[in-house]
Amino acid sequence: MTDQECLMFHQIPPKVLARMAALEERDAHDRQDGTPRLARLRQIPPETGRFIALWAAAAPDGLMVEVGTSAGYSTLWLALAARATGRRVTTFEVLPEKAEMARETFSLAGVDDVVHLVEGDFLDHVDERGEVGFCFLDAEKEVYGTCYDAVVPKLVSGGILVADNAINHRQTLQPMLDAALADERVDAMIVAIGKGELVCRRL
């Protein structure tokens, strides 16, 4: 693999950019037109996409996992990292209608070869998975603490966990955030990008 092939952001494939743009437009409409909460895409902004892609590409060997796919927008950013590093990303979505949208996303964007979608609860499958090099957590906020407790023991040394909404949902997530910042198994901090990202590195 050449240096040019390893770059993620300078030559994003047109099909990926087109699907990203379509999902960004729909997400913006969802936030303004009264779409019910569970039906909204509720996806990350582009700057957070770049942020998680950089962390995923720099993560050590191990599974690349996403908890909460929605329509696959954040997965597209992780797919860039997966392709650049010769890996795959496994993403979990519990809502059938969102999983169907994600399948459409991955097909239209041409990333099926580096994305494995699991329609189901991550917590039902976590014991089937091996060691994790990178995990992006963007699920329902009520399960963040349980997911954190499930992922951290599976992180390889140097493995990275990034959790979204650490600022805009801080009140709901405070117990989990406090636990992570005090957890002696990881170094952790909250980064003020997008909606706020908790970043943990396994010792």
C-alpha atoms as a PDB file:
ATOM      1  CA  MET A   1       0.000   0.000   0.000  1.00  0.00           C
ATOM      2  CA  THR A   2       1.430   3.383  -1.015  1.00  0.00           C
ATOM      3  CA  ASP A   3       1.410   6.547   1.068  1.00  0.00           C
ATOM      4  CA  GLN A   4      -1.156   8.044  -1.311  1.00  0.00           C
ATOM      5  CA  GLU A   5      -3.479   5.074  -0.802  1.00  0.00           C
ATOM      6  CA  CYS A   6      -3.219   5.481   2.975  1.00  0.00           C
ATOM      7  CA  LEU A   7      -4.542   9.062   2.984  1.00  0.00           C
ATOM      8  CA  MET A   8      -8.135   9.299   4.203  1.00  0.00           C
ATOM      9  CA  PHE A   9      -9.348  12.836   3.629  1.00  0.00           C
ATOM     10  CA  HIS A  10      -7.625  14.150   0.481  1.00  0.00           C
ATOM     11  CA  GLN A  11      -9.312  11.846  -1.997  1.00  0.00           C
ATOM     12  CA  ILE A  12     -12.591  10.695  -0.459  1.00  0.00           C
ATOM     13  CA  PRO A  13     -14.398   8.671  -3.158  1.00  0.00           C
ATOM     14  CA  PRO A  14     -17.187  10.638  -4.888  1.00  0.00           C
ATOM     15  CA  LYS A  15     -19.783   7.980  -3.974  1.00  0.00           C
ATOM     16  CA  VAL A  16     -18.884   8.356  -0.294  1.00  0.00           C
ATOM     17  CA  LEU A  17     -19.041  12.159  -0.474  1.00  0.00           C
ATOM     18  CA  ALA A  18     -22.411  12.007  -2.248  1.00  0.00           C
ATOM     19  CA  ARG A  19     -23.947   9.740   0.388  1.00  0.00           C
ATOM     20  CA  MET A  20     -22.465  11.843   3.196  1.00  0.00           C
ATOM     21  CA  ALA A  21     -24.022  14.972   1.683  1.00  0.00           C
ATOM     22  CA  ALA A  22     -27.420  13.297   1.319  1.00  0.00           C
ATOM     23  CA  LEU A  23     -27.390  12.138   4.941  1.00  0.00           C
ATOM     24  CA  GLU A  24     -26.219  15.550   6.181  1.00  0.00           C
ATOM     25  CA  GLU A  25     -29.159  17.163   4.360  1.00  0.00           C
ATOM     26  CA  ARG A  26     -31.662  14.703   5.789  1.00  0.00           C
ATOM     27  CA  ASP A  27     -30.231  15.066   9.296  1.00  0.00           C
ATOM     28  CA  ALA A  28     -30.605  18.847   9.086  1.00  0.00           C
ATOM     29  CA  HIS A  29     -34.242  18.477   8.010  1.00  0.00           C
ATOM     30  CA  ASP A  30     -34.923  15.943  10.778  1.00  0.00           C
ATOM     31  CA  ARG A  31     -33.835  18.493  13.375  1.00  0.00           C
ATOM     32  CA  GLN A  32     -36.238  21.141  12.053  1.00  0.00           C
ATOM     33  CA  ASP A  33     -39.384  19.402  10.797  1.00  0.00           C
ATOM     34  CA  GLY A  34     -40.660  17.662  13.916  1.00  0.00           C
ATOM     35  CA  THR A  35     -39.508  14.158  12.961  1.00  0.00           C
ATOM     36  CA  PRO A  36     -39.984  11.886  16.031  1.00  0.00           C
ATOM     37  CA  ARG A  37     -36.811  11.375  18.043  1.00  0.00           C
ATOM     38  CA  LEU A  38     -36.248   7.686  17.240  1.00  0.00           C
ATOM     39  CA  ALA A  39     -36.911   8.266  13.551  1.00  0.00           C
ATOM     40  CA  ARG A  40     -34.340  11.085  13.297  1.00  0.00           C
ATOM     41  CA  LEU A  41     -30.852  10.221  12.114  1.00  0.00           C
ATOM     42  CA  ARG A  42     -29.223  12.073  15.045  1.00  0.00           C
ATOM     43  CA  GLN A  43     -25.822  11.694  13.412  1.00  0.00           C
ATOM     44  CA  ILE A  44     -22.477  13.268  14.228  1.00  0.00           C
ATOM     45  CA  PRO A  45     -21.277  16.445  12.476  1.00  0.00           C
ATOM     46  CA  PRO A  46     -18.502  16.187   9.854  1.00  0.00           C
ATOM     47  CA  GLU A  47     -15.783  17.447  12.213  1.00  0.00           C
ATOM     48  CA  THR A  48     -16.546  14.594  14.592  1.00  0.00           C
ATOM     49  CA  GLY A  49     -16.403  12.197  11.653  1.00  0.00           C
ATOM     50  CA  ARG A  50     -12.873  13.300  10.862  1.00  0.00           C
ATOM     51  CA  PHE A  51     -11.982  13.118  14.551  1.00  0.00           C
ATOM     52  CA  ILE A  52     -13.080   9.502  14.968  1.00  0.00           C
ATOM     53  CA  ALA A  53     -11.515   8.489  11.648  1.00  0.00           C
ATOM     54  CA  LEU A  54      -8.133   9.804  12.782  1.00  0.00           C
ATOM     55  CA  TRP A  55      -8.370   7.936  16.082  1.00  0.00           C
ATOM     56  CA  ALA A  56      -9.528   4.758  14.368  1.00  0.00           C
ATOM     57  CA  ALA A  57      -6.679   4.875  11.845  1.00  0.00           C
ATOM     58  CA  ALA A  58      -4.136   5.406  14.637  1.00  0.00           C
ATOM     59  CA  ALA A  59      -5.546   2.700  16.922  1.00  0.00           C
ATOM     60  CA  PRO A  60      -3.556  -0.496  17.542  1.00  0.00           C
ATOM     61  CA  ASP A  61      -4.427  -3.870  16.045  1.00  0.00           C
ATOM     62  CA  GLY A  62      -7.781  -5.210  17.162  1.00  0.00           C
ATOM     63  CA  LEU A  63     -11.400  -5.060  16.102  1.00  0.00           C
ATOM     64  CA  MET A  64     -12.821  -1.744  14.895  1.00  0.00           C
ATOM     65  CA  VAL A  65     -16.312  -1.507  16.387  1.00  0.00           C
ATOM     66  CA  GLU A  66     -19.166   0.986  16.263  1.00  0.00           C
ATOM     67  CA  VAL A  67     -22.117   0.811  18.650  1.00  0.00           C
ATOM     68  CA  GLY A  68     -25.068   2.627  17.076  1.00  0.00           C
ATOM     69  CA  THR A  69     -25.105   2.783  13.275  1.00  0.00           C
ATOM     70  CA  SER A  70     -28.205   4.852  12.505  1.00  0.00           C
ATOM     71  CA  ALA A  71     -28.132   5.425   8.717  1.00  0.00           C
ATOM     72  CA  GLY A  72     -24.389   4.777   8.532  1.00  0.00           C
ATOM     73  CA  TYR A  73     -22.983   8.323   8.373  1.00  0.00           C
ATOM     74  CA  SER A  74     -20.375   7.879  11.104  1.00  0.00           C
ATOM     75  CA  THR A  75     -19.636   4.430   9.714  1.00  0.00           C
ATOM     76  CA  LEU A  76     -18.599   6.019   6.426  1.00  0.00           C
ATOM     77  CA  TRP A  77     -15.914   7.989   8.242  1.00  0.00           C
ATOM     78  CA  LEU A  78     -14.747   4.835   9.999  1.00  0.00           C
ATOM     79  CA  ALA A  79     -14.768   3.024   6.655  1.00  0.00           C
ATOM     80  CA  LEU A  80     -12.188   5.537   5.417  1.00  0.00           C
ATOM     81  CA  ALA A  81      -9.963   4.549   8.338  1.00  0.00           C
ATOM     82  CA  ALA A  82     -10.641   0.858   7.780  1.00  0.00           C
ATOM     83  CA  ARG A  83      -9.713   1.065   4.113  1.00  0.00           C
ATOM     84  CA  ALA A  84      -6.587   3.132   4.837  1.00  0.00           C
ATOM     85  CA  THR A  85      -5.340   0.583   7.367  1.00  0.00           C
ATOM     86  CA  GLY A  86      -6.460  -2.653   5.708  1.00  0.00           C
ATOM     87  CA  ARG A  87      -9.124  -3.416   8.312  1.00  0.00           C
ATOM     88  CA  ARG A  88     -12.920  -3.730   8.614  1.00  0.00           C
ATOM     89  CA  VAL A  89     -15.410  -1.983  10.872  1.00  0.00           C
ATOM     90  CA  THR A  90     -18.219  -3.917  12.526  1.00  0.00           C
ATOM     91  CA  THR A  91     -21.218  -1.741  13.364  1.00  0.00           C
ATOM     92  CA  PHE A  92     -24.278  -2.623  15.474  1.00  0.00           C
ATOM     93  CA  GLU A  93     -27.812  -1.221  15.038  1.00  0.00           C
ATOM     94  CA  VAL A  94     -30.907  -2.335  16.976  1.00  0.00           C
ATOM     95  CA  LEU A  95     -33.605  -0.565  14.928  1.00  0.00           C
ATOM     96  CA  PRO A  96     -34.559  -2.487  11.753  1.00  0.00           C
ATOM     97  CA  GLU A  97     -35.518   0.649   9.826  1.00  0.00           C
ATOM     98  CA  LYS A  98     -32.165   2.285  10.603  1.00  0.00           C
ATOM     99  CA  ALA A  99     -30.308  -0.912   9.697  1.00  0.00           C
ATOM    100  CA  GLU A 100     -32.077  -0.915   6.321  1.00  0.00           C
ATOM    101  CA  MET A 101     -31.015   2.676   5.702  1.00  0.00           C
ATOM    102  CA  ALA A 102     -27.469   1.771   6.674  1.00  0.00           C
ATOM    103  CA  ARG A 103     -27.399  -1.095   4.186  1.00  0.00           C
ATOM    104  CA  GLU A 104     -28.462   1.355   1.497  1.00  0.00           C
ATOM    105  CA  THR A 105     -25.732   3.749   2.609  1.00  0.00           C
ATOM    106  CA  PHE A 106     -22.994   1.142   2.443  1.00  0.00           C
ATOM    107  CA  SER A 107     -24.147  -0.092  -0.953  1.00  0.00           C
ATOM    108  CA  LEU A 108     -24.445   3.362  -2.511  1.00  0.00           C
ATOM    109  CA  ALA A 109     -21.121   4.483  -1.040  1.00  0.00           C
ATOM    110  CA  GLY A 110     -19.317   1.329  -2.143  1.00  0.00           C
ATOM    111  CA  VAL A 111     -17.940   0.422   1.292  1.00  0.00           C
ATOM    112  CA  ASP A 112     -19.532  -3.029   1.731  1.00  0.00           C
ATOM    113  CA  ASP A 113     -16.090  -4.614   1.526  1.00  0.00           C
ATOM    114  CA  VAL A 114     -14.862  -2.871   4.689  1.00  0.00           C
ATOM    115  CA  VAL A 115     -18.125  -2.675   6.699  1.00  0.00           C
ATOM    116  CA  HIS A 116     -19.930  -5.485   8.498  1.00  0.00           C
ATOM    117  CA  LEU A 117     -23.382  -4.510   9.764  1.00  0.00           C
ATOM    118  CA  VAL A 118     -24.883  -6.502  12.618  1.00  0.00           C
ATOM    119  CA  GLU A 119     -28.606  -5.900  13.133  1.00  0.00           C
ATOM    120  CA  GLY A 120     -28.930  -6.399  16.853  1.00  0.00           C
ATOM    121  CA  ASP A 121     -27.850  -5.221  20.285  1.00  0.00           C
ATOM    122  CA  PHE A 122     -24.090  -4.947  20.734  1.00  0.00           C
ATOM    123  CA  LEU A 123     -24.450  -6.168  24.300  1.00  0.00           C
ATOM    124  CA  ASP A 124     -25.961  -9.418  23.038  1.00  0.00           C
ATOM    125  CA  HIS A 125     -22.899 -10.041  20.863  1.00  0.00           C
ATOM    126  CA  VAL A 126     -20.010  -8.603  22.856  1.00  0.00           C
ATOM    127  CA  ASP A 127     -18.913 -11.980  24.241  1.00  0.00           C
ATOM    128  CA  GLU A 128     -18.647 -13.335  20.684  1.00  0.00           C
ATOM    129  CA  ARG A 129     -16.076 -10.702  19.716  1.00  0.00           C
ATOM    130  CA  GLY A 130     -12.320 -10.664  20.156  1.00  0.00           C
ATOM    131  CA  GLU A 131     -10.048  -7.908  21.403  1.00  0.00           C
ATOM    132  CA  VAL A 132     -10.946  -4.367  20.376  1.00  0.00           C
ATOM    133  CA  GLY A 133      -8.507  -1.804  19.004  1.00  0.00           C
ATOM    134  CA  PHE A 134     -11.065   0.974  18.504  1.00  0.00           C
ATOM    135  CA  CYS A 135     -14.672   1.509  19.528  1.00  0.00           C
ATOM    136  CA  PHE A 136     -17.012   4.384  18.739  1.00  0.00           C
ATOM    137  CA  LEU A 137     -20.015   4.534  21.068  1.00  0.00           C
ATOM    138  CA  ASP A 138     -23.053   6.496  19.853  1.00  0.00           C
ATOM    139  CA  ALA A 139     -26.116   4.599  21.070  1.00  0.00           C
ATOM    140  CA  GLU A 140     -29.002   5.466  23.384  1.00  0.00           C
ATOM    141  CA  LYS A 141     -27.521   7.341  26.314  1.00  0.00           C
ATOM    142  CA  GLU A 142     -29.130   5.052  28.900  1.00  0.00           C
ATOM    143  CA  VAL A 143     -26.867   2.164  27.840  1.00  0.00           C
ATOM    144  CA  TYR A 144     -23.573   4.078  27.703  1.00  0.00           C
ATOM    145  CA  GLY A 145     -22.460   2.921  31.120  1.00  0.00           C
ATOM    146  CA  THR A 146     -23.213  -0.725  30.365  1.00  0.00           C
ATOM    147  CA  CYS A 147     -21.467  -0.499  26.994  1.00  0.00           C
ATOM    148  CA  TYR A 148     -18.437   1.167  28.581  1.00  0.00           C
ATOM    149  CA  ASP A 149     -18.186  -1.641  31.135  1.00  0.00           C
ATOM    150  CA  ALA A 150     -18.431  -4.218  28.333  1.00  0.00           C
ATOM    151  CA  VAL A 151     -15.898  -2.599  25.979  1.00  0.00           C
ATOM    152  CA  VAL A 152     -13.051  -1.506  28.258  1.00  0.00           C
ATOM    153  CA  PRO A 153     -12.032  -5.032  29.362  1.00  0.00           C
ATOM    154  CA  LYS A 154     -11.845  -5.999  25.671  1.00  0.00           C
ATOM    155  CA  LEU A 155      -9.627  -3.087  24.628  1.00  0.00           C
ATOM    156  CA  VAL A 156      -6.076  -4.047  23.736  1.00  0.00           C
ATOM    157  CA  SER A 157      -3.247  -2.093  25.341  1.00  0.00           C
ATOM    158  CA  GLY A 158      -3.386   1.319  23.704  1.00  0.00           C
ATOM    159  CA  GLY A 159      -6.911   0.636  22.426  1.00  0.00           C
ATOM    160  CA  ILE A 160      -9.231   3.606  22.030  1.00  0.00           C
ATOM    161  CA  LEU A 161     -12.851   4.147  23.055  1.00  0.00           C
ATOM    162  CA  VAL A 162     -14.589   7.321  21.856  1.00  0.00           C
ATOM    163  CA  ALA A 163     -18.079   8.104  23.175  1.00  0.00           C
ATOM    164  CA  ASP A 164     -20.244  10.794  21.568  1.00  0.00           C
ATOM    165  CA  ASN A 165     -22.464  13.401  23.282  1.00  0.00           C
ATOM    166  CA  ALA A 166     -20.184  13.911  26.269  1.00  0.00           C
ATOM    167  CA  ILE A 167     -21.092  17.610  26.420  1.00  0.00           C
ATOM    168  CA  ASN A 168     -24.594  18.048  24.995  1.00  0.00           C
ATOM    169  CA  HIS A 169     -25.915  15.087  27.043  1.00  0.00           C
ATOM    170  CA  ARG A 170     -23.552  15.574  29.938  1.00  0.00           C
ATOM    171  CA  GLN A 171     -26.259  15.597  32.615  1.00  0.00           C
ATOM    172  CA  THR A 172     -27.545  12.177  31.544  1.00  0.00           C
ATOM    173  CA  LEU A 173     -24.049  10.757  31.020  1.00  0.00           C
ATOM    174  CA  GLN A 174     -22.408  12.278  34.116  1.00  0.00           C
ATOM    175  CA  PRO A 175     -22.205   9.019  36.121  1.00  0.00           C
ATOM    176  CA  MET A 176     -20.551   7.210  33.196  1.00  0.00           C
ATOM    177  CA  LEU A 177     -18.234  10.150  32.466  1.00  0.00           C
ATOM    178  CA  ASP A 178     -17.176  10.388  36.116  1.00  0.00           C
ATOM    179  CA  ALA A 179     -16.499   6.651  36.194  1.00  0.00           C
ATOM    180  CA  ALA A 180     -14.403   6.813  33.016  1.00  0.00           C
ATOM    181  CA  LEU A 181     -12.348   9.798  34.172  1.00  0.00           C
ATOM    182  CA  ALA A 182     -11.629   7.997  37.465  1.00  0.00           C
ATOM    183  CA  ASP A 183     -11.015   4.572  35.861  1.00  0.00           C
ATOM    184  CA  GLU A 184      -7.390   3.556  36.466  1.00  0.00           C
ATOM    185  CA  ARG A 185      -7.515   1.153  33.495  1.00  0.00           C
ATOM    186  CA  VAL A 186      -7.626   4.075  31.055  1.00  0.00           C
ATOM    187  CA  ASP A 187      -6.404   7.592  30.448  1.00  0.00           C
ATOM    188  CA  ALA A 188      -9.467   9.664  29.604  1.00  0.00           C
ATOM    189  CA  MET A 189     -10.482  13.203  28.719  1.00  0.00           C
ATOM    190  CA  ILE A 190     -13.439  15.055  27.236  1.00  0.00           C
ATOM    191  CA  VAL A 191     -12.765  16.880  23.984  1.00  0.00           C
ATOM    192  CA  ALA A 192     -14.874  19.886  22.960  1.00  0.00           C
ATOM    193  CA  ILE A 193     -15.469  18.915  19.348  1.00  0.00           C
ATOM    194  CA  GLY A 194     -18.916  18.419  17.853  1.00  0.00           C
ATOM    195  CA  LYS A 195     -21.276  17.415  20.665  1.00  0.00           C
ATOM    196  CA  GLY A 196     -18.366  16.523  22.945  1.00  0.00           C
ATOM    197  CA  GLU A 197     -16.299  13.347  22.795  1.00  0.00           C
ATOM    198  CA  LEU A 198     -15.081  11.225  25.668  1.00  0.00           C
ATOM    199  CA  VAL A 199     -11.768   9.699  24.580  1.00  0.00           C
ATOM    200  CA  CYS A 200     -10.318   6.793  26.570  1.00  0.00           C
ATOM    201  CA  ARG A 201      -7.009   5.018  25.950  1.00  0.00           C
ATOM    202  CA  ARG A 202      -6.506   1.613  27.571  1.00  0.00           C
ATOM    203  CA  LEU A 203      -3.304   1.279  29.581  1.00  0.00           C
END
